[in-house]
Amino acid sequence: HQYTFYEPQMSFDQISEAQMLIDFKKSIKEHHFKVYYQPIISLHTGKIHAAEALVRWQHPERGLIPPDVFIDLFEKNGQISELDHYVLKQVYAFQKKRAEAKEPIIPVSVNLSWQDFYDDHLMDQIMTLKKQGDLPVGAVNFEVVETSMAALEQNANYLLEQIRESGAKLLLDDFGTG
């Protein structure tokens, strides 16, 4: 005695998700994902104290796709680490360009998904970039959402400690929402 009602939007949502997964690789390759820097203002000075890197998808046919549409989809389908790697490279390039131009370096935090801690390539990239010394300590920091912290096992705790020891700050994002 169960009923299910079909609505045309259901079909569109499935096609839309499938198409986004297909478009993902091309959009990474062609830089359709854009990194924006949300400033964090000091209440004491009123000046920018830090920033958070936020990713938006500027799809060539669909226009701007907000992160609440694609982040969960990419996490569910195992593509989030590739996107996070892309964002990390963009942030490092941004900070390196500022350093080379002798512009002030404002710390930028990059979000990490719990899945990132199980991606050896991404973790190696984080450690390699930190060891290169191209940027001052603390120029790139990492945010982990509260719900991700609960999902991380002992191995990930070791990686968190390694990141912290490299001089990066670890920030807890969305605290209290999980």
Protein backbone atom coordinates (compact mmCIF):
# COMPACT_ATOMS: atom_id res chain seq x y z
CA HIS A 1 0.00 0.00 0.00
CA GLN A 2 2.67 2.40 -1.07
CA TYR A 3 2.31 5.10 -3.69
CA THR A 4 4.91 6.99 -5.64
CA PHE A 5 4.10 9.98 -7.76
CA TYR A 6 6.18 10.82 -10.76
CA GLU A 7 6.87 14.45 -11.49
CA PRO A 8 8.72 15.67 -14.59
CA GLN A 9 11.28 17.43 -12.35
CA MET A 10 12.43 14.00 -11.11
CA SER A 11 13.59 13.04 -14.59
CA PHE A 12 15.23 16.44 -15.10
CA ASP A 13 17.11 16.11 -11.79
CA GLN A 14 18.51 12.71 -12.78
CA ILE A 15 19.54 13.90 -16.23
CA SER A 16 20.95 17.06 -14.74
CA GLU A 17 23.08 15.14 -12.21
CA ALA A 18 24.27 12.69 -14.82
CA GLN A 19 25.19 15.55 -17.15
CA MET A 20 27.05 17.37 -14.38
CA LEU A 21 29.12 14.26 -13.72
CA ILE A 22 29.92 14.02 -17.43
CA ASP A 23 30.79 17.74 -17.63
CA PHE A 24 33.01 17.63 -14.53
CA LYS A 25 36.29 16.52 -16.16
CA LYS A 26 35.96 18.95 -19.05
CA SER A 27 35.15 21.78 -16.68
CA ILE A 28 38.23 21.04 -14.57
CA LYS A 29 40.40 20.91 -17.69
CA GLU A 30 38.95 24.13 -19.13
CA HIS A 31 38.93 26.01 -15.79
CA HIS A 32 35.16 26.47 -15.60
CA PHE A 33 35.47 26.20 -11.83
CA LYS A 34 36.30 29.60 -10.41
CA VAL A 35 37.82 30.30 -7.01
CA TYR A 36 36.53 33.34 -5.16
CA TYR A 37 38.05 34.69 -1.98
CA GLN A 38 35.58 35.55 0.75
CA PRO A 39 37.26 38.02 3.09
CA ILE A 40 37.30 37.51 6.84
CA ILE A 41 37.27 40.90 8.52
CA SER A 42 38.85 41.59 11.90
CA LEU A 43 36.32 43.19 14.22
CA HIS A 44 39.14 44.99 16.02
CA THR A 45 40.74 46.64 13.00
CA GLY A 46 38.00 46.51 10.37
CA LYS A 47 40.60 45.19 7.91
CA ILE A 48 40.80 41.92 6.01
CA HIS A 49 42.43 39.41 8.34
CA ALA A 50 42.15 36.27 6.18
CA ALA A 51 40.04 34.76 3.42
CA GLU A 52 38.26 31.55 2.56
CA ALA A 53 38.54 30.03 -0.91
CA LEU A 54 35.09 29.32 -2.32
CA VAL A 55 34.53 27.43 -5.55
CA ARG A 56 31.81 28.22 -8.06
CA TRP A 57 31.07 26.44 -11.32
CA GLN A 58 30.73 28.78 -14.29
CA HIS A 59 29.23 26.24 -16.66
CA PRO A 60 29.54 27.31 -20.33
CA GLU A 61 25.91 26.37 -21.10
CA ARG A 62 24.08 26.42 -17.76
CA GLY A 63 25.68 29.50 -16.29
CA LEU A 64 26.63 29.77 -12.64
CA ILE A 65 25.95 26.56 -10.72
CA PRO A 66 26.00 27.12 -6.94
CA PRO A 67 28.05 24.79 -4.73
CA ASP A 68 25.02 23.40 -2.92
CA VAL A 69 24.06 21.80 -6.25
CA PHE A 70 27.40 20.13 -7.09
CA ILE A 71 29.41 19.61 -3.86
CA ASP A 72 27.18 16.84 -2.45
CA LEU A 73 26.94 15.25 -5.89
CA PHE A 74 30.72 15.14 -6.26
CA GLU A 75 31.13 13.78 -2.73
CA LYS A 76 28.54 11.11 -3.40
CA ASN A 77 30.30 10.10 -6.64
CA GLY A 78 33.89 10.28 -5.39
CA GLN A 79 34.97 13.33 -7.40
CA ILE A 80 35.28 15.84 -4.57
CA SER A 81 39.01 15.24 -4.04
CA GLU A 82 39.74 16.09 -7.66
CA LEU A 83 37.84 19.35 -7.24
CA ASP A 84 39.59 20.10 -3.93
CA HIS A 85 42.94 19.43 -5.59
CA TYR A 86 42.02 21.90 -8.34
CA VAL A 87 41.06 24.54 -5.76
CA LEU A 88 44.27 23.97 -3.80
CA LYS A 89 46.38 24.49 -6.93
CA GLN A 90 44.47 27.69 -7.75
CA VAL A 91 44.98 29.06 -4.23
CA TYR A 92 48.69 28.27 -4.26
CA ALA A 93 49.09 29.93 -7.65
CA PHE A 94 47.19 32.99 -6.37
CA GLN A 95 49.33 33.26 -3.24
CA LYS A 96 52.57 32.65 -5.15
CA LYS A 97 51.68 35.40 -7.64
CA ARG A 98 51.05 37.80 -4.74
CA ALA A 99 54.37 36.85 -3.13
CA GLU A 100 56.29 37.35 -6.39
CA ALA A 101 54.66 40.77 -6.83
CA LYS A 102 55.66 41.63 -3.24
CA GLU A 103 52.00 42.10 -2.32
CA PRO A 104 50.84 41.35 1.21
CA ILE A 105 49.99 37.71 1.82
CA ILE A 106 46.65 37.23 3.52
CA PRO A 107 46.06 33.71 4.84
CA VAL A 108 43.58 31.77 2.69
CA SER A 109 41.79 28.68 3.94
CA VAL A 110 40.85 25.80 1.65
CA ASN A 111 38.03 23.41 2.51
CA LEU A 112 38.86 19.73 2.74
CA SER A 113 36.30 16.96 2.49
CA TRP A 114 36.63 13.90 4.68
CA GLN A 115 37.27 11.98 1.45
CA ASP A 116 40.41 14.04 0.83
CA PHE A 117 42.13 12.32 3.74
CA TYR A 118 41.84 9.02 1.89
CA ASP A 119 43.26 10.44 -1.34
CA ASP A 120 47.01 9.81 -1.14
CA HIS A 121 47.72 12.00 -4.18
CA LEU A 122 46.03 15.04 -2.64
CA MET A 123 47.64 14.53 0.78
CA ASP A 124 51.06 14.17 -0.88
CA GLN A 125 50.39 17.36 -2.86
CA ILE A 126 49.54 19.26 0.32
CA MET A 127 52.76 18.11 2.00
CA THR A 128 54.87 18.78 -1.11
CA LEU A 129 53.51 22.30 -1.54
CA LYS A 130 54.15 23.04 2.11
CA LYS A 131 57.72 21.73 1.94
CA GLN A 132 58.60 23.75 -1.17
CA GLY A 133 58.72 26.89 0.94
CA ASP A 134 57.48 29.13 -1.88
CA LEU A 135 55.04 30.77 0.52
CA PRO A 136 55.27 32.00 4.09
CA VAL A 137 54.00 29.67 6.80
CA GLY A 138 50.26 30.11 7.24
CA ALA A 139 49.64 31.48 3.74
CA VAL A 140 47.40 28.49 2.99
CA ASN A 141 45.33 26.91 5.73
CA PHE A 142 42.74 24.18 5.74
CA GLU A 143 39.15 23.94 6.92
CA VAL A 144 37.44 20.72 7.83
CA VAL A 145 33.72 20.70 8.53
CA GLU A 146 32.59 19.46 11.91
CA THR A 147 30.70 16.52 10.40
CA SER A 148 33.88 15.43 8.58
CA MET A 149 35.84 15.35 11.81
CA ALA A 150 33.47 12.71 13.16
CA ALA A 151 34.03 10.55 10.05
CA LEU A 152 37.82 10.67 10.15
CA GLU A 153 39.64 7.65 11.51
CA GLN A 154 43.07 7.37 13.19
CA ASN A 155 44.92 7.60 9.84
CA ALA A 156 43.30 10.93 9.11
CA ASN A 157 44.16 12.25 12.55
CA TYR A 158 47.81 11.55 11.72
CA LEU A 159 47.44 13.51 8.46
CA LEU A 160 45.77 16.39 10.28
CA GLU A 161 48.74 16.49 12.65
CA GLN A 162 51.18 16.44 9.70
CA ILE A 163 49.37 19.39 8.11
CA ARG A 164 49.42 21.28 11.39
CA GLU A 165 53.15 20.57 11.88
CA SER A 166 53.82 21.99 8.42
CA GLY A 167 52.75 25.37 9.78
CA ALA A 168 49.24 25.48 8.35
CA LYS A 169 46.31 26.22 10.59
CA LEU A 170 43.47 23.75 10.79
CA LEU A 171 40.12 25.44 11.08
CA LEU A 172 36.83 23.86 12.04
CA ASP A 173 34.13 25.00 9.60
CA ASP A 174 30.39 24.99 10.25
CA PHE A 175 31.01 24.39 13.96
CA GLY A 176 27.80 23.65 15.81
CA THR A 177 25.81 22.72 12.71
CA GLY A 178 26.74 19.02 12.84
